[in-house]
Amino acid sequence: MLFQKILKYRKFQRLRGNQGKTASRGTTLAFGSAGLQAEDSSEINSRQIEAARKAITRFVQKGGKLWIRIFPDKPVTAKPPEVGMGKGKGDPDKYVADVGRGRILFEVDGISEADARTALRRAGAKLPIRTKVVMR
């Protein structure tokens, strides 16, 4: 699972969400010949990124190379169930990556175009946002 090894602060303040934002960087293919692009903006947690990565690597198997273009560097806290209000902020529960509309999430190279489309479409099914496959 992806998470930061060293954090300056264990708990971040909740900022206004990334809803409706368009990504300004990471919107073009940089490494591979095919990529998975976000059509919505949201937070994607490390478990969802790992599930999508597994879906791609299982389909591609030994051929091809995969790049993960997002990293979950923002801790999100949560309180246990049935705990009352007050008594401070909860413990870090998960790590998320803020993803804007148009951001490239994954890139693949070294496989056929049809295989790349299928692998990336399977990965998109694991994510909580709408995605599309883009080719170079």
Protein backbone atom coordinates (compact mmCIF):
# COMPACT_ATOMS: atom_id res chain seq x y z
CA MET A 1 0.00 0.00 0.00
CA LEU A 2 1.24 3.48 -0.82
CA PHE A 3 1.81 6.01 1.95
CA GLN A 4 4.47 8.49 2.96
CA LYS A 5 7.30 7.19 5.08
CA ILE A 6 8.09 10.56 6.66
CA LEU A 7 5.47 13.20 7.44
CA LYS A 8 6.09 16.59 9.00
CA TYR A 9 2.58 16.56 10.50
CA ARG A 10 0.57 13.41 11.20
CA LYS A 11 -2.80 15.13 10.70
CA PHE A 12 -3.66 17.63 7.98
CA GLN A 13 -6.43 20.18 8.19
CA ARG A 14 -9.38 19.47 5.93
CA LEU A 15 -9.21 22.00 3.12
CA ARG A 16 -12.01 22.78 0.75
CA GLY A 17 -12.37 19.81 -1.55
CA ASN A 18 -10.97 19.36 -5.03
CA GLN A 19 -14.49 18.94 -6.42
CA GLY A 20 -14.90 20.51 -9.83
CA LYS A 21 -11.23 21.44 -10.18
CA THR A 22 -9.33 20.87 -13.39
CA ALA A 23 -5.77 19.59 -13.11
CA SER A 24 -3.12 22.03 -14.26
CA ARG A 25 -0.25 19.56 -14.34
CA GLY A 26 0.05 15.89 -15.20
CA THR A 27 -2.52 16.12 -17.96
CA THR A 28 -0.45 14.73 -20.85
CA LEU A 29 1.26 11.39 -21.40
CA ALA A 30 4.88 11.62 -20.27
CA PHE A 31 6.22 8.04 -20.16
CA GLY A 32 3.99 5.46 -21.86
CA SER A 33 2.03 5.17 -25.06
CA ALA A 34 -1.38 4.77 -23.37
CA GLY A 35 -2.80 6.25 -20.21
CA LEU A 36 -5.84 6.43 -17.96
CA GLN A 37 -7.19 9.96 -17.58
CA ALA A 38 -9.63 11.19 -14.90
CA GLU A 39 -12.87 12.75 -16.15
CA ASP A 40 -14.00 13.81 -12.65
CA SER A 41 -12.20 15.36 -9.71
CA SER A 42 -12.14 13.53 -6.40
CA GLU A 43 -9.93 11.92 -3.78
CA ILE A 44 -8.55 8.46 -4.54
CA ASN A 45 -7.23 6.49 -1.59
CA SER A 46 -4.25 4.16 -1.52
CA ARG A 47 -6.37 0.98 -1.52
CA GLN A 48 -8.11 2.02 -4.73
CA ILE A 49 -4.80 2.87 -6.41
CA GLU A 50 -3.43 -0.55 -5.39
CA ALA A 51 -6.54 -2.35 -6.72
CA ALA A 52 -6.19 -0.58 -10.08
CA ARG A 53 -2.47 -1.36 -10.22
CA LYS A 54 -3.15 -5.05 -9.58
CA ALA A 55 -5.82 -5.11 -12.30
CA ILE A 56 -3.36 -3.71 -14.85
CA THR A 57 -0.42 -5.96 -13.88
CA ARG A 58 -2.58 -9.09 -13.87
CA PHE A 59 -3.77 -8.38 -17.39
CA VAL A 60 -0.39 -7.28 -18.77
CA GLN A 61 1.57 -10.03 -16.90
CA LYS A 62 5.27 -10.02 -17.87
CA GLY A 63 5.12 -7.78 -20.95
CA GLY A 64 4.95 -4.01 -20.77
CA LYS A 65 5.79 -1.37 -18.20
CA LEU A 66 3.49 0.51 -15.84
CA TRP A 67 3.82 4.01 -14.35
CA ILE A 68 1.64 5.26 -11.48
CA ARG A 69 1.34 9.02 -11.87
CA ILE A 70 -0.45 9.84 -8.59
CA PHE A 71 0.64 9.37 -4.99
CA PRO A 72 -1.55 9.41 -1.86
CA ASP A 73 0.27 11.97 0.28
CA LYS A 74 -2.63 13.48 2.23
CA PRO A 75 -3.67 11.79 5.51
CA VAL A 76 -7.39 11.65 6.30
CA THR A 77 -8.44 11.13 9.90
CA ALA A 78 -11.48 9.30 11.21
CA LYS A 79 -12.93 8.57 14.62
CA PRO A 80 -13.98 5.05 15.61
CA PRO A 81 -17.68 4.16 15.37
CA GLU A 82 -19.97 5.10 18.29
CA VAL A 83 -17.60 7.71 19.71
CA GLY A 84 -19.21 10.95 20.83
CA MET A 85 -18.43 14.43 19.62
CA GLY A 86 -15.47 16.27 21.07
CA LYS A 87 -12.36 14.71 22.66
CA GLY A 88 -10.07 15.84 19.87
CA LYS A 89 -9.38 14.84 16.31
CA GLY A 90 -9.37 11.20 15.20
CA ASP A 91 -6.36 9.14 14.23
CA PRO A 92 -5.08 8.94 10.63
CA ASP A 93 -7.30 6.42 8.85
CA LYS A 94 -6.16 6.47 5.22
CA TYR A 95 -4.04 8.39 2.74
CA VAL A 96 -5.59 9.99 -0.33
CA ALA A 97 -4.43 11.66 -3.53
CA ASP A 98 -6.33 14.74 -4.74
CA VAL A 99 -7.09 14.20 -8.41
CA GLY A 100 -8.34 16.96 -10.67
CA ARG A 101 -10.25 16.54 -13.91
CA GLY A 102 -7.85 15.67 -16.76
CA ARG A 103 -5.10 14.18 -14.60
CA ILE A 104 -3.28 11.10 -15.98
CA LEU A 105 -3.49 8.37 -13.34
CA PHE A 106 -1.66 5.41 -14.94
CA GLU A 107 0.48 4.92 -18.04
CA VAL A 108 1.49 1.71 -19.81
CA ASP A 109 3.93 0.96 -22.61
CA GLY A 110 5.34 -2.07 -24.40
CA ILE A 111 2.02 -3.81 -25.14
CA SER A 112 -0.43 -3.67 -28.04
CA GLU A 113 -3.01 -0.91 -28.23
CA ALA A 114 -5.93 -3.30 -27.73
CA ASP A 115 -4.31 -4.88 -24.65
CA ALA A 116 -3.52 -1.44 -23.22
CA ARG A 117 -7.13 -0.28 -23.68
CA THR A 118 -8.48 -3.42 -21.99
CA ALA A 119 -6.04 -3.25 -19.07
CA LEU A 120 -6.68 0.44 -18.42
CA ARG A 121 -10.46 0.00 -18.73
CA ARG A 122 -10.29 -2.72 -16.06
CA ALA A 123 -8.26 -0.42 -13.82
CA GLY A 124 -10.80 2.37 -14.31
CA ALA A 125 -13.54 0.09 -13.03
CA LYS A 126 -11.71 -0.10 -9.67
CA LEU A 127 -11.64 3.68 -9.21
CA PRO A 128 -14.43 5.88 -7.75
CA ILE A 129 -14.36 8.34 -10.67
CA ARG A 130 -15.13 8.27 -14.38
CA THR A 131 -12.05 7.68 -16.51
CA LYS A 132 -11.11 7.43 -20.16
CA VAL A 133 -8.23 5.78 -22.00
CA VAL A 134 -5.98 8.13 -23.95
CA MET A 135 -3.40 7.09 -26.54
CA ARG A 136 -0.29 8.89 -27.77
